[in-house]
N, C-alpha and C. Protein backbone atom coordinates (compact mmCIF):
# COMPACT_ATOMS: atom_id res chain seq x y z
N UNK A 1 220.78 104.04 65.41
CA UNK A 1 221.90 104.94 65.25
C UNK A 1 222.23 105.10 63.76
N UNK A 2 222.96 104.07 63.18
CA UNK A 2 223.36 104.24 61.78
C UNK A 2 223.63 102.89 61.13
N UNK A 3 223.27 102.83 59.86
CA UNK A 3 223.66 101.69 59.03
C UNK A 3 224.98 102.08 58.40
N UNK A 4 226.01 101.28 58.67
CA UNK A 4 227.35 101.61 58.18
C UNK A 4 227.69 100.82 56.93
N UNK A 5 228.61 101.34 56.11
CA UNK A 5 229.08 100.57 54.95
C UNK A 5 229.85 99.32 55.41
N UNK A 6 229.71 98.27 54.65
CA UNK A 6 230.39 97.01 54.95
C UNK A 6 231.80 97.03 54.35
N UNK A 7 232.78 96.72 55.17
CA UNK A 7 234.16 96.55 54.71
C UNK A 7 234.22 95.23 53.94
N UNK A 8 234.77 95.27 52.73
CA UNK A 8 234.75 94.09 51.89
C UNK A 8 236.13 93.43 51.78
N UNK A 9 236.09 92.14 51.41
CA UNK A 9 237.30 91.35 51.22
C UNK A 9 238.25 92.12 50.32
N UNK A 10 239.50 92.17 50.72
CA UNK A 10 240.53 92.93 50.02
C UNK A 10 241.02 94.08 50.88
N UNK A 11 240.18 94.54 51.80
CA UNK A 11 240.59 95.60 52.72
C UNK A 11 241.51 94.99 53.77
N UNK A 12 242.72 95.54 53.98
CA UNK A 12 243.67 94.96 54.94
C UNK A 12 243.15 94.89 56.36
N UNK A 13 242.18 95.74 56.72
CA UNK A 13 241.63 95.70 58.07
C UNK A 13 241.03 94.33 58.39
N UNK A 14 240.45 93.69 57.39
CA UNK A 14 239.81 92.38 57.61
C UNK A 14 240.82 91.26 57.83
N UNK A 15 242.09 91.54 57.59
CA UNK A 15 243.12 90.50 57.73
C UNK A 15 243.96 90.66 58.99
N UNK A 16 243.62 91.60 59.83
CA UNK A 16 244.41 91.79 61.05
C UNK A 16 243.63 91.37 62.29
N UNK A 17 244.37 91.06 63.34
CA UNK A 17 243.74 90.74 64.62
C UNK A 17 243.23 92.05 65.22
N UNK A 18 241.95 92.05 65.57
CA UNK A 18 241.33 93.26 66.12
C UNK A 18 241.82 93.51 67.55
N UNK A 19 241.75 94.75 67.96
CA UNK A 19 242.16 95.14 69.31
C UNK A 19 241.11 94.70 70.32
N UNK A 20 241.54 94.21 71.47
CA UNK A 20 240.55 93.82 72.49
C UNK A 20 239.80 95.03 73.04
N UNK A 21 238.62 94.79 73.54
CA UNK A 21 237.86 95.80 74.26
C UNK A 21 238.53 95.94 75.62
N UNK A 22 238.94 97.14 75.97
CA UNK A 22 239.61 97.39 77.24
C UNK A 22 238.57 97.51 78.36
N UNK A 23 238.96 97.17 79.60
CA UNK A 23 238.00 97.20 80.72
C UNK A 23 237.23 98.51 80.85
N UNK A 24 237.89 99.63 80.62
CA UNK A 24 237.21 100.93 80.77
C UNK A 24 236.21 101.21 79.65
N UNK A 25 236.26 100.42 78.57
CA UNK A 25 235.34 100.62 77.46
C UNK A 25 233.98 99.98 77.69
N UNK A 26 233.91 98.96 78.55
CA UNK A 26 232.64 98.27 78.78
C UNK A 26 231.62 99.24 79.35
N UNK A 27 230.42 99.22 78.76
CA UNK A 27 229.35 100.09 79.22
C UNK A 27 229.44 101.53 78.76
N UNK A 28 230.49 101.89 78.03
CA UNK A 28 230.67 103.27 77.60
C UNK A 28 229.67 103.62 76.50
N UNK A 29 229.38 104.90 76.39
CA UNK A 29 228.48 105.38 75.34
C UNK A 29 229.03 105.02 73.95
N UNK A 30 230.35 105.07 73.79
CA UNK A 30 230.96 104.75 72.50
C UNK A 30 230.74 103.28 72.13
N UNK A 31 230.94 102.38 73.11
CA UNK A 31 230.75 100.96 72.83
C UNK A 31 229.28 100.67 72.55
N UNK A 32 228.38 101.24 73.32
CA UNK A 32 226.95 101.00 73.12
C UNK A 32 226.49 101.54 71.77
N UNK A 33 227.04 102.68 71.33
CA UNK A 33 226.71 103.23 70.01
C UNK A 33 227.24 102.32 68.89
N UNK A 34 228.44 101.78 69.08
CA UNK A 34 229.01 100.86 68.10
C UNK A 34 228.14 99.61 67.99
N UNK A 35 227.69 99.09 69.11
CA UNK A 35 226.82 97.90 69.11
C UNK A 35 225.52 98.20 68.37
N UNK A 36 224.95 99.37 68.61
CA UNK A 36 223.71 99.73 67.91
C UNK A 36 223.94 99.85 66.41
N UNK A 37 225.07 100.43 66.01
CA UNK A 37 225.40 100.50 64.59
C UNK A 37 225.57 99.11 63.99
N UNK A 38 226.21 98.21 64.73
CA UNK A 38 226.36 96.83 64.26
C UNK A 38 224.98 96.19 64.06
N UNK A 39 224.11 96.37 65.05
CA UNK A 39 222.78 95.77 64.97
C UNK A 39 222.00 96.36 63.79
N UNK A 40 222.00 97.68 63.66
CA UNK A 40 221.28 98.32 62.55
C UNK A 40 221.79 97.82 61.21
N UNK A 41 223.10 97.70 61.08
CA UNK A 41 223.71 97.26 59.83
C UNK A 41 223.40 95.79 59.55
N UNK A 42 223.50 94.94 60.59
CA UNK A 42 223.20 93.51 60.42
C UNK A 42 221.76 93.31 59.97
N UNK A 43 220.82 93.98 60.61
CA UNK A 43 219.41 93.84 60.26
C UNK A 43 219.15 94.35 58.84
N UNK A 44 219.72 95.50 58.50
CA UNK A 44 219.52 96.07 57.17
C UNK A 44 220.06 95.16 56.07
N UNK A 45 221.12 94.40 56.37
CA UNK A 45 221.76 93.53 55.39
C UNK A 45 221.26 92.08 55.48
N UNK A 46 220.30 91.81 56.37
CA UNK A 46 219.78 90.46 56.57
C UNK A 46 220.86 89.47 57.00
N UNK A 47 221.82 89.94 57.78
CA UNK A 47 222.91 89.09 58.23
C UNK A 47 222.51 88.23 59.42
N UNK A 48 223.21 87.13 59.58
CA UNK A 48 223.03 86.28 60.77
C UNK A 48 223.93 86.78 61.90
N UNK A 49 224.90 87.61 61.55
CA UNK A 49 225.83 88.18 62.52
C UNK A 49 226.71 89.19 61.81
N UNK A 50 227.47 89.93 62.61
CA UNK A 50 228.40 90.91 62.05
C UNK A 50 229.45 91.21 63.12
N UNK A 51 230.64 91.52 62.66
CA UNK A 51 231.75 91.83 63.57
C UNK A 51 232.22 93.26 63.31
N UNK A 52 232.75 93.90 64.34
CA UNK A 52 233.18 95.30 64.24
C UNK A 52 234.12 95.56 63.05
N UNK A 53 235.09 94.68 62.75
CA UNK A 53 235.94 94.97 61.59
C UNK A 53 235.15 95.08 60.28
N UNK A 54 233.99 94.45 60.22
CA UNK A 54 233.19 94.51 59.00
C UNK A 54 232.58 95.89 58.76
N UNK A 55 232.59 96.74 59.78
CA UNK A 55 232.15 98.12 59.57
C UNK A 55 233.31 99.08 59.82
N UNK A 56 234.54 98.55 59.69
CA UNK A 56 235.73 99.38 59.71
C UNK A 56 236.29 99.70 61.08
N UNK A 57 235.88 98.96 62.11
CA UNK A 57 236.34 99.21 63.47
C UNK A 57 237.13 98.01 63.98
N UNK A 58 238.41 98.20 64.26
CA UNK A 58 239.27 97.11 64.71
C UNK A 58 239.11 96.87 66.21
N UNK A 59 237.99 96.25 66.57
CA UNK A 59 237.70 95.91 67.97
C UNK A 59 237.19 94.47 68.02
N UNK A 60 237.53 93.77 69.09
CA UNK A 60 237.06 92.39 69.27
C UNK A 60 235.64 92.41 69.82
N UNK A 61 234.72 92.69 68.90
CA UNK A 61 233.30 92.78 69.20
C UNK A 61 232.52 92.20 68.04
N UNK A 62 231.61 91.30 68.35
CA UNK A 62 230.71 90.76 67.36
C UNK A 62 229.33 90.63 67.95
N UNK A 63 228.34 90.68 67.08
CA UNK A 63 226.97 90.38 67.49
C UNK A 63 226.44 89.35 66.52
N UNK A 64 225.51 88.53 67.00
CA UNK A 64 224.88 87.55 66.11
C UNK A 64 223.56 87.10 66.70
N UNK A 65 222.72 86.53 65.80
CA UNK A 65 221.44 85.99 66.22
C UNK A 65 220.39 87.06 66.47
N UNK A 66 219.28 86.60 67.03
CA UNK A 66 218.22 87.50 67.45
C UNK A 66 217.06 87.64 66.50
N UNK A 67 217.24 87.25 65.26
CA UNK A 67 216.12 87.28 64.32
C UNK A 67 216.36 86.27 63.22
N UNK A 68 215.30 85.91 62.54
CA UNK A 68 215.38 84.92 61.47
C UNK A 68 215.92 85.60 60.22
N UNK A 69 217.12 85.24 59.83
CA UNK A 69 217.74 85.84 58.66
C UNK A 69 217.19 85.17 57.39
N UNK A 70 216.68 85.96 56.45
CA UNK A 70 216.22 85.37 55.19
C UNK A 70 217.36 84.74 54.39
N UNK A 71 218.60 85.08 54.73
CA UNK A 71 219.75 84.48 54.05
C UNK A 71 219.97 83.04 54.50
N UNK A 72 219.41 82.68 55.68
CA UNK A 72 219.54 81.32 56.22
C UNK A 72 218.16 80.86 56.70
N UNK A 73 217.22 80.67 55.77
CA UNK A 73 215.83 80.42 56.15
C UNK A 73 215.60 79.11 56.92
N UNK A 74 216.44 78.13 56.74
CA UNK A 74 216.24 76.83 57.39
C UNK A 74 217.01 76.67 58.70
N UNK A 75 217.74 77.69 59.09
CA UNK A 75 218.58 77.61 60.29
C UNK A 75 217.74 77.75 61.56
N UNK A 76 218.16 77.00 62.59
CA UNK A 76 217.47 77.14 63.87
C UNK A 76 217.78 78.51 64.47
N UNK A 77 216.87 79.01 65.32
CA UNK A 77 217.10 80.34 65.90
C UNK A 77 218.34 80.37 66.80
N UNK A 78 219.01 81.51 66.79
CA UNK A 78 220.17 81.76 67.65
C UNK A 78 219.82 82.96 68.52
N UNK A 79 220.00 82.88 69.82
CA UNK A 79 219.68 84.03 70.66
C UNK A 79 220.59 85.22 70.34
N UNK A 80 220.02 86.44 70.44
CA UNK A 80 220.82 87.62 70.19
C UNK A 80 221.97 87.66 71.19
N UNK A 81 223.18 87.80 70.67
CA UNK A 81 224.38 87.75 71.49
C UNK A 81 225.30 88.90 71.14
N UNK A 82 225.80 89.57 72.16
CA UNK A 82 226.87 90.56 72.04
C UNK A 82 228.07 89.90 72.69
N UNK A 83 229.16 89.74 71.93
CA UNK A 83 230.32 89.01 72.43
C UNK A 83 231.59 89.83 72.21
N UNK A 84 232.24 90.15 73.31
CA UNK A 84 233.50 90.91 73.27
C UNK A 84 234.64 90.00 73.73
N UNK A 85 235.80 90.18 73.13
CA UNK A 85 237.03 89.48 73.53
C UNK A 85 236.80 87.97 73.66
N UNK A 86 236.34 87.32 72.59
CA UNK A 86 235.96 85.92 72.69
C UNK A 86 237.14 84.95 72.76
N UNK A 87 236.85 83.83 73.40
CA UNK A 87 237.73 82.67 73.41
C UNK A 87 236.87 81.50 72.98
N UNK A 88 237.25 80.82 71.91
CA UNK A 88 236.49 79.68 71.41
C UNK A 88 237.27 78.39 71.68
N UNK A 89 236.56 77.39 72.18
CA UNK A 89 237.15 76.10 72.46
C UNK A 89 236.28 75.02 71.81
N UNK A 90 236.78 74.36 70.76
CA UNK A 90 235.99 73.28 70.16
C UNK A 90 235.78 72.15 71.17
N UNK A 91 234.62 71.53 71.09
CA UNK A 91 234.31 70.37 71.92
C UNK A 91 234.32 69.16 71.00
N UNK A 92 235.28 68.30 71.19
CA UNK A 92 235.40 67.13 70.33
C UNK A 92 236.04 67.47 69.00
N UNK A 93 236.12 66.46 68.17
CA UNK A 93 236.78 66.59 66.87
C UNK A 93 235.79 66.68 65.70
N UNK A 94 234.50 66.48 65.98
CA UNK A 94 233.52 66.40 64.90
C UNK A 94 233.38 67.73 64.17
N UNK A 95 233.48 67.65 62.84
CA UNK A 95 233.35 68.82 61.98
C UNK A 95 232.19 68.56 61.03
N UNK A 96 231.64 69.64 60.49
CA UNK A 96 230.56 69.52 59.51
C UNK A 96 230.79 70.57 58.43
N UNK A 97 230.61 70.15 57.19
CA UNK A 97 230.69 71.06 56.05
C UNK A 97 229.31 71.65 55.78
N UNK A 98 229.27 72.95 55.52
CA UNK A 98 228.00 73.57 55.12
C UNK A 98 228.31 74.87 54.38
N UNK A 99 227.31 75.34 53.65
CA UNK A 99 227.44 76.57 52.87
C UNK A 99 227.45 77.77 53.80
N UNK A 100 228.32 78.73 53.48
CA UNK A 100 228.36 80.00 54.18
C UNK A 100 228.48 81.12 53.17
N UNK A 101 228.00 82.26 53.58
CA UNK A 101 228.19 83.50 52.86
C UNK A 101 228.68 84.53 53.86
N UNK A 102 228.94 85.72 53.40
CA UNK A 102 229.46 86.75 54.30
C UNK A 102 229.15 88.12 53.72
N UNK A 103 228.76 89.03 54.58
CA UNK A 103 228.49 90.39 54.14
C UNK A 103 229.73 91.05 53.54
N UNK A 104 230.91 90.62 53.97
CA UNK A 104 232.16 91.19 53.45
C UNK A 104 232.65 90.50 52.17
N UNK A 105 231.96 89.44 51.76
CA UNK A 105 232.28 88.73 50.52
C UNK A 105 230.97 88.61 49.74
N UNK A 106 230.43 89.74 49.28
CA UNK A 106 229.09 89.75 48.70
C UNK A 106 228.97 88.94 47.42
N UNK A 107 227.80 88.29 47.30
CA UNK A 107 227.49 87.57 46.08
C UNK A 107 228.15 86.21 45.94
N UNK A 108 228.81 85.74 46.99
CA UNK A 108 229.52 84.46 46.91
C UNK A 108 229.10 83.55 48.05
N UNK A 109 229.29 82.25 47.83
CA UNK A 109 229.04 81.22 48.84
C UNK A 109 230.13 80.17 48.74
N UNK A 110 230.37 79.49 49.85
CA UNK A 110 231.34 78.40 49.85
C UNK A 110 231.03 77.41 50.94
N UNK A 111 231.51 76.19 50.76
CA UNK A 111 231.33 75.14 51.76
C UNK A 111 232.52 75.20 52.72
N UNK A 112 232.20 75.38 54.00
CA UNK A 112 233.21 75.61 55.03
C UNK A 112 233.08 74.55 56.12
N UNK A 113 234.18 73.90 56.49
CA UNK A 113 234.13 72.98 57.63
C UNK A 113 234.16 73.77 58.94
N UNK A 114 233.31 73.38 59.87
CA UNK A 114 233.27 74.01 61.20
C UNK A 114 233.06 72.94 62.26
N UNK A 115 233.52 73.22 63.45
CA UNK A 115 233.26 72.32 64.58
C UNK A 115 231.76 72.32 64.86
N UNK A 116 231.22 71.14 65.15
CA UNK A 116 229.78 71.04 65.39
C UNK A 116 229.41 71.45 66.81
N UNK A 117 230.35 71.35 67.74
CA UNK A 117 230.11 71.76 69.12
C UNK A 117 231.24 72.67 69.56
N UNK A 118 230.88 73.65 70.38
CA UNK A 118 231.82 74.71 70.70
C UNK A 118 231.46 75.33 72.05
N UNK A 119 232.48 75.70 72.78
CA UNK A 119 232.30 76.53 73.97
C UNK A 119 232.87 77.89 73.63
N UNK A 120 232.06 78.93 73.85
CA UNK A 120 232.62 80.26 73.70
C UNK A 120 232.48 81.04 74.99
N UNK A 121 233.52 81.80 75.25
CA UNK A 121 233.59 82.62 76.45
C UNK A 121 233.97 84.03 76.03
N UNK A 122 233.58 84.98 76.82
CA UNK A 122 233.90 86.37 76.56
C UNK A 122 233.09 87.24 77.50
N UNK A 123 232.72 88.42 77.02
CA UNK A 123 232.03 89.39 77.85
C UNK A 123 230.92 90.05 77.05
N UNK A 124 229.88 90.49 77.74
CA UNK A 124 228.84 91.26 77.09
C UNK A 124 229.23 92.73 77.08
N UNK A 125 228.35 93.59 76.66
CA UNK A 125 228.66 95.01 76.51
C UNK A 125 228.94 95.72 77.83
N UNK A 126 228.54 95.12 78.93
CA UNK A 126 228.76 95.73 80.25
C UNK A 126 229.96 95.10 80.97
N UNK A 127 230.60 94.12 80.30
CA UNK A 127 231.75 93.46 80.90
C UNK A 127 231.38 92.24 81.73
N UNK A 128 230.12 91.81 81.64
CA UNK A 128 229.69 90.61 82.37
C UNK A 128 230.13 89.37 81.59
N UNK A 129 230.62 88.35 82.29
CA UNK A 129 231.12 87.16 81.60
C UNK A 129 230.01 86.40 80.86
N UNK A 130 230.39 85.85 79.73
CA UNK A 130 229.54 84.96 78.94
C UNK A 130 230.29 83.64 78.82
N UNK A 131 229.59 82.54 79.04
CA UNK A 131 230.20 81.21 78.91
C UNK A 131 229.10 80.28 78.43
N UNK A 132 229.15 79.92 77.15
CA UNK A 132 228.10 79.08 76.56
C UNK A 132 228.71 77.91 75.82
N UNK A 133 228.00 76.81 75.87
CA UNK A 133 228.31 75.64 75.07
C UNK A 133 227.19 75.49 74.06
N UNK A 134 227.54 75.47 72.77
CA UNK A 134 226.54 75.50 71.71
C UNK A 134 226.87 74.47 70.64
N UNK A 135 225.89 74.23 69.77
CA UNK A 135 226.08 73.30 68.66
C UNK A 135 225.30 73.79 67.46
N UNK A 136 225.43 73.06 66.35
CA UNK A 136 224.66 73.35 65.15
C UNK A 136 224.96 74.72 64.56
N UNK A 137 223.89 75.37 64.08
CA UNK A 137 224.03 76.67 63.43
C UNK A 137 224.59 77.72 64.38
N UNK A 138 224.20 77.65 65.65
CA UNK A 138 224.72 78.59 66.65
C UNK A 138 226.25 78.50 66.70
N UNK A 139 226.78 77.29 66.74
CA UNK A 139 228.23 77.10 66.77
C UNK A 139 228.87 77.62 65.49
N UNK A 140 228.24 77.37 64.35
CA UNK A 140 228.78 77.83 63.06
C UNK A 140 228.84 79.36 63.01
N UNK A 141 227.75 80.01 63.41
CA UNK A 141 227.71 81.47 63.36
C UNK A 141 228.77 82.06 64.30
N UNK A 142 228.88 81.51 65.50
CA UNK A 142 229.88 82.03 66.46
C UNK A 142 231.29 81.90 65.88
N UNK A 143 231.60 80.76 65.28
CA UNK A 143 232.93 80.57 64.69
C UNK A 143 233.17 81.54 63.53
N UNK A 144 232.17 81.68 62.66
CA UNK A 144 232.32 82.58 61.51
C UNK A 144 232.55 84.01 61.97
N UNK A 145 231.73 84.49 62.90
CA UNK A 145 231.84 85.88 63.34
C UNK A 145 233.13 86.12 64.12
N UNK A 146 233.52 85.19 64.97
CA UNK A 146 234.76 85.37 65.73
C UNK A 146 235.98 85.30 64.84
N UNK A 147 235.91 84.54 63.75
CA UNK A 147 237.01 84.53 62.79
C UNK A 147 237.34 85.95 62.32
N UNK A 148 236.31 86.78 62.13
CA UNK A 148 236.53 88.16 61.69
C UNK A 148 237.41 88.94 62.67
N UNK A 149 237.37 88.57 63.93
CA UNK A 149 238.15 89.29 64.94
C UNK A 149 239.61 88.90 64.94
N UNK A 150 239.92 87.84 64.19
CA UNK A 150 241.29 87.33 64.16
C UNK A 150 241.85 87.30 62.73
N UNK A 151 241.24 88.10 61.85
CA UNK A 151 241.77 88.26 60.50
C UNK A 151 241.51 87.11 59.56
N UNK A 152 240.44 86.36 59.80
CA UNK A 152 240.13 85.20 58.96
C UNK A 152 238.78 85.41 58.29
N UNK A 153 238.75 85.26 56.97
CA UNK A 153 237.51 85.28 56.21
C UNK A 153 237.19 83.85 55.79
N UNK A 154 235.91 83.53 55.67
CA UNK A 154 235.51 82.14 55.41
C UNK A 154 236.18 81.52 54.19
N UNK A 155 236.46 82.26 53.09
CA UNK A 155 237.14 81.58 51.97
C UNK A 155 238.50 80.99 52.36
N UNK A 156 239.12 81.52 53.40
CA UNK A 156 240.42 81.01 53.84
C UNK A 156 240.28 79.61 54.46
N UNK A 157 239.07 79.23 54.84
CA UNK A 157 238.82 77.92 55.47
C UNK A 157 238.28 76.88 54.48
N UNK A 158 237.97 77.28 53.28
CA UNK A 158 237.41 76.35 52.29
C UNK A 158 238.48 75.35 51.88
N UNK A 159 238.12 74.08 51.88
CA UNK A 159 239.06 73.01 51.51
C UNK A 159 238.92 72.60 50.04
N UNK A 160 237.74 72.76 49.49
CA UNK A 160 237.47 72.33 48.11
C UNK A 160 236.96 73.54 47.34
N UNK A 161 237.84 74.16 46.58
CA UNK A 161 237.49 75.39 45.87
C UNK A 161 236.45 75.17 44.77
N UNK A 162 236.15 73.91 44.42
CA UNK A 162 235.08 73.66 43.46
C UNK A 162 233.71 73.92 44.10
N UNK A 163 233.70 74.10 45.41
CA UNK A 163 232.47 74.39 46.14
C UNK A 163 232.49 75.82 46.68
N UNK A 164 233.02 76.72 45.89
CA UNK A 164 233.08 78.15 46.21
C UNK A 164 232.83 78.91 44.93
N UNK A 165 231.91 79.84 44.98
CA UNK A 165 231.65 80.61 43.78
C UNK A 165 230.56 81.64 43.97
N UNK A 166 230.16 82.21 42.87
CA UNK A 166 229.11 83.22 42.89
C UNK A 166 227.77 82.55 43.15
N UNK A 167 226.99 83.15 44.02
CA UNK A 167 225.71 82.59 44.42
C UNK A 167 224.80 82.33 43.23
N UNK A 168 224.73 83.28 42.29
CA UNK A 168 223.82 83.13 41.16
C UNK A 168 224.26 82.02 40.20
N UNK A 169 225.53 81.65 40.23
CA UNK A 169 226.02 80.56 39.39
C UNK A 169 225.83 79.22 40.11
N UNK A 170 226.13 79.20 41.41
CA UNK A 170 225.99 77.97 42.18
C UNK A 170 224.54 77.54 42.35
N UNK A 171 223.64 78.51 42.49
CA UNK A 171 222.23 78.24 42.77
C UNK A 171 221.34 78.96 41.75
N UNK A 172 221.45 78.62 40.46
CA UNK A 172 220.75 79.41 39.44
C UNK A 172 219.23 79.34 39.52
N UNK A 173 218.69 78.26 40.00
CA UNK A 173 217.22 78.10 40.03
C UNK A 173 216.63 78.33 41.41
N UNK A 174 217.45 78.54 42.39
CA UNK A 174 216.96 78.71 43.76
C UNK A 174 217.82 79.70 44.51
N UNK A 175 217.89 80.88 43.98
CA UNK A 175 218.77 81.90 44.55
C UNK A 175 218.46 82.20 46.01
N UNK A 176 219.45 81.98 46.89
CA UNK A 176 219.29 82.52 48.23
C UNK A 176 219.37 84.03 48.16
N UNK A 177 218.82 84.74 49.13
CA UNK A 177 218.94 86.20 49.10
C UNK A 177 220.40 86.63 48.95
N UNK A 178 220.58 87.73 48.25
CA UNK A 178 221.94 88.25 47.98
C UNK A 178 222.70 88.53 49.26
N UNK A 179 223.98 88.22 49.23
CA UNK A 179 224.86 88.48 50.38
C UNK A 179 225.14 89.95 50.47
């Protein structure tokens, strides 16, 4: 369909809670076209995932996984997922710090604490229920992408600002692909 421009940090749309997908929207041509635009944009930008607000649409819709992102070359594979109206439930208290980047915060990276295990529930594009328990990179990606649906960008979760900065400064000799 179309590669859309990425909404960047500073745009007020990224700080608001997105509108839920209404029952009559599931399976609609409009929703399916939006999902295709998200996929086209994510692949073009080498993203591990993308949320509707990142392309200027205030809807509780995110997609993630499905291909090996060069931005995260060492990450385990995550199955391609379309997730609408998500509910995330951490499993246990264990957290892990790791580097994250974001298409909406280009050229920067930061160390973000995330739950290592997570249950996420929601619906696919046709309104069929999704209920998964995940860990590792899959859990991290789900949390990062769902944060976009609730007005949270990863820098808001960073605890140690000395571990946040421009990618080319943080990793001068081993540049990860540009965000």
